[in-house]
Amino acid sequence: MSRKAIKTISNREVRYIPEEQRDLVESAEKMIDRPLVFIGKALTNDQKWIMRDIVVVDEKDGAKKVKGLGEAVKYIWQTCVSEVLNVIQKEEDGSITELKSVKGADKDALWNTNMEADIIEVCNHLRELSELDEEEVKTSV
């Protein structure tokens, strides 16, 4: 029996559009007609080990309780998502601000908005990108 080749987890940036917005066209004339586009990378092995420290499974009385999921999603958001395109913000005075690209601290500030479902979706996608597929799991044991 031969050994399998070692697979390196890709650390290239990927684009992700939330499922609910995939029917929108990225090149639409008005930004309101464009989807949000998240740009990020899969977790590295070091980041996956940090995630294992953040998420704790507590078993008491035969029931499993998972703690730290919110912190884990926030860690992925701040560490792996580098940019969000086509952001439309409603300001406190009621005006609308269109931001073609949001990065850095401004991107991190989107954590405290009503984008929660989209943020969770992209973070789950990036986490899943970094996992081994079913065939790789079978050959790695």
C-alpha atoms as a PDB file:
ATOM      1  CA  MET A   1       0.000   0.000   0.000  1.00  0.00           C
ATOM      2  CA  SER A   2       1.349   3.436  -0.952  1.00  0.00           C
ATOM      3  CA  ARG A   3       1.218   6.589   1.067  1.00  0.00           C
ATOM      4  CA  LYS A   4      -0.977   9.525   0.063  1.00  0.00           C
ATOM      5  CA  ALA A   5       0.514  12.878  -0.891  1.00  0.00           C
ATOM      6  CA  ILE A   6       0.407  15.558   1.789  1.00  0.00           C
ATOM      7  CA  LYS A   7      -2.154  18.238   1.109  1.00  0.00           C
ATOM      8  CA  THR A   8      -1.376  21.836   2.030  1.00  0.00           C
ATOM      9  CA  ILE A   9      -4.412  23.858   3.060  1.00  0.00           C
ATOM     10  CA  SER A  10      -4.715  26.709   0.609  1.00  0.00           C
ATOM     11  CA  ASN A  11      -4.081  30.092   2.148  1.00  0.00           C
ATOM     12  CA  ARG A  12      -5.230  32.050  -0.892  1.00  0.00           C
ATOM     13  CA  GLU A  13      -7.988  34.580  -0.516  1.00  0.00           C
ATOM     14  CA  VAL A  14     -11.459  33.452  -1.561  1.00  0.00           C
ATOM     15  CA  ARG A  15     -14.588  35.428  -2.352  1.00  0.00           C
ATOM     16  CA  TYR A  16     -17.832  34.461  -0.661  1.00  0.00           C
ATOM     17  CA  ILE A  17     -21.354  35.725  -1.370  1.00  0.00           C
ATOM     18  CA  PRO A  18     -24.062  34.859   1.178  1.00  0.00           C
ATOM     19  CA  GLU A  19     -26.484  32.268  -0.196  1.00  0.00           C
ATOM     20  CA  GLU A  20     -29.489  34.589   0.086  1.00  0.00           C
ATOM     21  CA  GLN A  21     -27.787  37.174  -2.171  1.00  0.00           C
ATOM     22  CA  ARG A  22     -26.379  34.919  -4.892  1.00  0.00           C
ATOM     23  CA  ASP A  23     -29.052  35.931  -7.391  1.00  0.00           C
ATOM     24  CA  LEU A  24     -27.815  39.553  -7.302  1.00  0.00           C
ATOM     25  CA  VAL A  25     -25.297  40.733  -9.914  1.00  0.00           C
ATOM     26  CA  GLU A  26     -21.919  42.027  -8.718  1.00  0.00           C
ATOM     27  CA  SER A  27     -21.663  44.456 -11.619  1.00  0.00           C
ATOM     28  CA  ALA A  28     -25.124  46.008 -11.132  1.00  0.00           C
ATOM     29  CA  GLU A  29     -25.244  49.767 -11.633  1.00  0.00           C
ATOM     30  CA  LYS A  30     -26.716  50.527  -8.186  1.00  0.00           C
ATOM     31  CA  MET A  31     -24.946  49.201  -5.106  1.00  0.00           C
ATOM     32  CA  ILE A  32     -28.285  48.218  -3.547  1.00  0.00           C
ATOM     33  CA  ASP A  33     -28.629  45.659  -6.372  1.00  0.00           C
ATOM     34  CA  ARG A  34     -25.181  44.121  -5.708  1.00  0.00           C
ATOM     35  CA  PRO A  35     -24.512  41.326  -3.199  1.00  0.00           C
ATOM     36  CA  LEU A  36     -22.226  41.627  -0.199  1.00  0.00           C
ATOM     37  CA  VAL A  37     -18.914  39.999  -1.072  1.00  0.00           C
ATOM     38  CA  PHE A  38     -16.655  38.767   1.715  1.00  0.00           C
ATOM     39  CA  ILE A  39     -12.975  38.159   1.050  1.00  0.00           C
ATOM     40  CA  GLY A  40     -11.061  35.909   3.418  1.00  0.00           C
ATOM     41  CA  LYS A  41      -8.763  32.937   3.933  1.00  0.00           C
ATOM     42  CA  ALA A  42      -9.168  29.477   5.443  1.00  0.00           C
ATOM     43  CA  LEU A  43      -7.818  28.976   8.955  1.00  0.00           C
ATOM     44  CA  THR A  44      -4.208  27.884   9.314  1.00  0.00           C
ATOM     45  CA  ASN A  45      -3.334  24.999  11.635  1.00  0.00           C
ATOM     46  CA  ASP A  46      -2.187  27.491  14.293  1.00  0.00           C
ATOM     47  CA  GLN A  47      -5.529  29.296  14.080  1.00  0.00           C
ATOM     48  CA  LYS A  48      -7.396  25.979  14.333  1.00  0.00           C
ATOM     49  CA  TRP A  49      -5.515  25.214  17.567  1.00  0.00           C
ATOM     50  CA  ILE A  50      -6.531  28.613  18.943  1.00  0.00           C
ATOM     51  CA  MET A  51     -10.133  27.786  18.005  1.00  0.00           C
ATOM     52  CA  ARG A  52      -9.889  24.512  19.966  1.00  0.00           C
ATOM     53  CA  ASP A  53      -8.923  26.556  23.028  1.00  0.00           C
ATOM     54  CA  ILE A  54     -11.828  28.977  22.523  1.00  0.00           C
ATOM     55  CA  VAL A  55     -14.594  26.394  22.048  1.00  0.00           C
ATOM     56  CA  VAL A  56     -15.200  24.187  25.094  1.00  0.00           C
ATOM     57  CA  VAL A  57     -17.542  21.188  25.189  1.00  0.00           C
ATOM     58  CA  ASP A  58     -18.856  20.646  28.716  1.00  0.00           C
ATOM     59  CA  GLU A  59     -20.543  17.326  29.507  1.00  0.00           C
ATOM     60  CA  LYS A  60     -22.705  17.234  32.631  1.00  0.00           C
ATOM     61  CA  ASP A  61     -25.489  14.811  33.476  1.00  0.00           C
ATOM     62  CA  GLY A  62     -25.268  13.210  30.030  1.00  0.00           C
ATOM     63  CA  ALA A  63     -25.916  16.502  28.217  1.00  0.00           C
ATOM     64  CA  LYS A  64     -23.338  18.304  26.103  1.00  0.00           C
ATOM     65  CA  LYS A  65     -23.048  22.051  26.394  1.00  0.00           C
ATOM     66  CA  VAL A  66     -20.851  24.020  23.976  1.00  0.00           C
ATOM     67  CA  LYS A  67     -19.309  27.264  25.206  1.00  0.00           C
ATOM     68  CA  GLY A  68     -17.358  29.883  23.293  1.00  0.00           C
ATOM     69  CA  LEU A  69     -19.010  29.647  19.857  1.00  0.00           C
ATOM     70  CA  GLY A  70     -19.607  33.404  19.696  1.00  0.00           C
ATOM     71  CA  GLU A  71     -15.979  34.103  20.556  1.00  0.00           C
ATOM     72  CA  ALA A  72     -14.878  31.584  17.912  1.00  0.00           C
ATOM     73  CA  VAL A  73     -16.963  33.248  15.191  1.00  0.00           C
ATOM     74  CA  LYS A  74     -15.615  36.663  16.228  1.00  0.00           C
ATOM     75  CA  TYR A  75     -12.054  35.288  16.089  1.00  0.00           C
ATOM     76  CA  ILE A  76     -12.610  34.054  12.507  1.00  0.00           C
ATOM     77  CA  TRP A  77     -14.251  37.377  11.573  1.00  0.00           C
ATOM     78  CA  GLN A  78     -11.309  39.421  12.860  1.00  0.00           C
ATOM     79  CA  THR A  79      -8.550  37.039  11.751  1.00  0.00           C
ATOM     80  CA  CYS A  80      -9.644  35.437   8.473  1.00  0.00           C
ATOM     81  CA  VAL A  81     -12.048  37.905   6.822  1.00  0.00           C
ATOM     82  CA  SER A  82      -9.964  40.703   5.324  1.00  0.00           C
ATOM     83  CA  GLU A  83     -12.470  42.744   3.322  1.00  0.00           C
ATOM     84  CA  VAL A  84     -16.189  43.251   2.683  1.00  0.00           C
ATOM     85  CA  LEU A  85     -17.395  44.728  -0.608  1.00  0.00           C
ATOM     86  CA  ASN A  86     -20.637  46.567  -1.400  1.00  0.00           C
ATOM     87  CA  VAL A  87     -21.582  47.630   2.126  1.00  0.00           C
ATOM     88  CA  ILE A  88     -24.573  49.917   2.492  1.00  0.00           C
ATOM     89  CA  GLN A  89     -24.899  51.539   5.915  1.00  0.00           C
ATOM     90  CA  LYS A  90     -27.797  53.477   7.346  1.00  0.00           C
ATOM     91  CA  GLU A  91     -26.420  56.258   9.521  1.00  0.00           C
ATOM     92  CA  GLU A  92     -28.006  57.490  12.761  1.00  0.00           C
ATOM     93  CA  ASP A  93     -29.356  60.573  10.963  1.00  0.00           C
ATOM     94  CA  GLY A  94     -31.135  58.320   8.438  1.00  0.00           C
ATOM     95  CA  SER A  95     -28.743  58.953   5.557  1.00  0.00           C
ATOM     96  CA  ILE A  96     -27.324  56.079   3.515  1.00  0.00           C
ATOM     97  CA  THR A  97     -23.581  55.550   3.034  1.00  0.00           C
ATOM     98  CA  GLU A  98     -22.327  53.265   0.253  1.00  0.00           C
ATOM     99  CA  LEU A  99     -18.916  51.714   0.857  1.00  0.00           C
ATOM    100  CA  LYS A 100     -17.355  49.849  -2.053  1.00  0.00           C
ATOM    101  CA  SER A 101     -14.712  48.255   0.186  1.00  0.00           C
ATOM    102  CA  VAL A 102     -14.409  47.955   3.967  1.00  0.00           C
ATOM    103  CA  LYS A 103     -11.161  46.736   5.587  1.00  0.00           C
ATOM    104  CA  GLY A 104      -9.351  46.746   8.928  1.00  0.00           C
ATOM    105  CA  ALA A 105     -10.989  48.361  11.946  1.00  0.00           C
ATOM    106  CA  ASP A 106     -13.948  49.542   9.832  1.00  0.00           C
ATOM    107  CA  LYS A 107     -14.548  45.928   8.765  1.00  0.00           C
ATOM    108  CA  ASP A 108     -14.255  44.731  12.370  1.00  0.00           C
ATOM    109  CA  ALA A 109     -16.830  47.370  13.397  1.00  0.00           C
ATOM    110  CA  LEU A 110     -19.391  45.618  11.157  1.00  0.00           C
ATOM    111  CA  TRP A 111     -19.496  42.958  13.906  1.00  0.00           C
ATOM    112  CA  ASN A 112     -21.882  45.263  15.800  1.00  0.00           C
ATOM    113  CA  THR A 113     -24.433  45.565  12.992  1.00  0.00           C
ATOM    114  CA  ASN A 114     -27.466  43.603  11.826  1.00  0.00           C
ATOM    115  CA  MET A 115     -25.234  41.531   9.478  1.00  0.00           C
ATOM    116  CA  GLU A 116     -25.052  38.699  12.037  1.00  0.00           C
ATOM    117  CA  ALA A 117     -26.477  35.985   9.770  1.00  0.00           C
ATOM    118  CA  ASP A 118     -24.117  36.905   6.909  1.00  0.00           C
ATOM    119  CA  ILE A 119     -21.105  37.062   9.252  1.00  0.00           C
ATOM    120  CA  ILE A 120     -21.876  33.627  10.719  1.00  0.00           C
ATOM    121  CA  GLU A 121     -22.355  32.200   7.207  1.00  0.00           C
ATOM    122  CA  VAL A 122     -19.000  33.456   5.888  1.00  0.00           C
ATOM    123  CA  CYS A 123     -17.154  32.397   9.066  1.00  0.00           C
ATOM    124  CA  ASN A 124     -18.619  28.890   8.829  1.00  0.00           C
ATOM    125  CA  HIS A 125     -17.597  28.759   5.166  1.00  0.00           C
ATOM    126  CA  LEU A 126     -13.991  29.718   5.951  1.00  0.00           C
ATOM    127  CA  ARG A 127     -13.841  27.208   8.820  1.00  0.00           C
ATOM    128  CA  GLU A 128     -15.154  24.444   6.544  1.00  0.00           C
ATOM    129  CA  LEU A 129     -12.583  25.357   3.853  1.00  0.00           C
ATOM    130  CA  SER A 130      -9.804  24.542   6.290  1.00  0.00           C
ATOM    131  CA  GLU A 131     -11.136  21.102   7.267  1.00  0.00           C
ATOM    132  CA  LEU A 132     -10.140  17.833   5.630  1.00  0.00           C
ATOM    133  CA  ASP A 133     -12.718  16.365   3.258  1.00  0.00           C
ATOM    134  CA  GLU A 134     -14.225  12.901   3.914  1.00  0.00           C
ATOM    135  CA  GLU A 135     -11.696  11.062   1.740  1.00  0.00           C
ATOM    136  CA  GLU A 136      -8.759  12.819   3.426  1.00  0.00           C
ATOM    137  CA  VAL A 137     -10.089  11.957   6.876  1.00  0.00           C
ATOM    138  CA  LYS A 138     -10.239   8.275   5.880  1.00  0.00           C
ATOM    139  CA  THR A 139      -6.611   8.274   4.716  1.00  0.00           C
ATOM    140  CA  SER A 140      -5.168  10.346   7.572  1.00  0.00           C
ATOM    141  CA  VAL A 141      -5.830   7.808  10.340  1.00  0.00           C
END
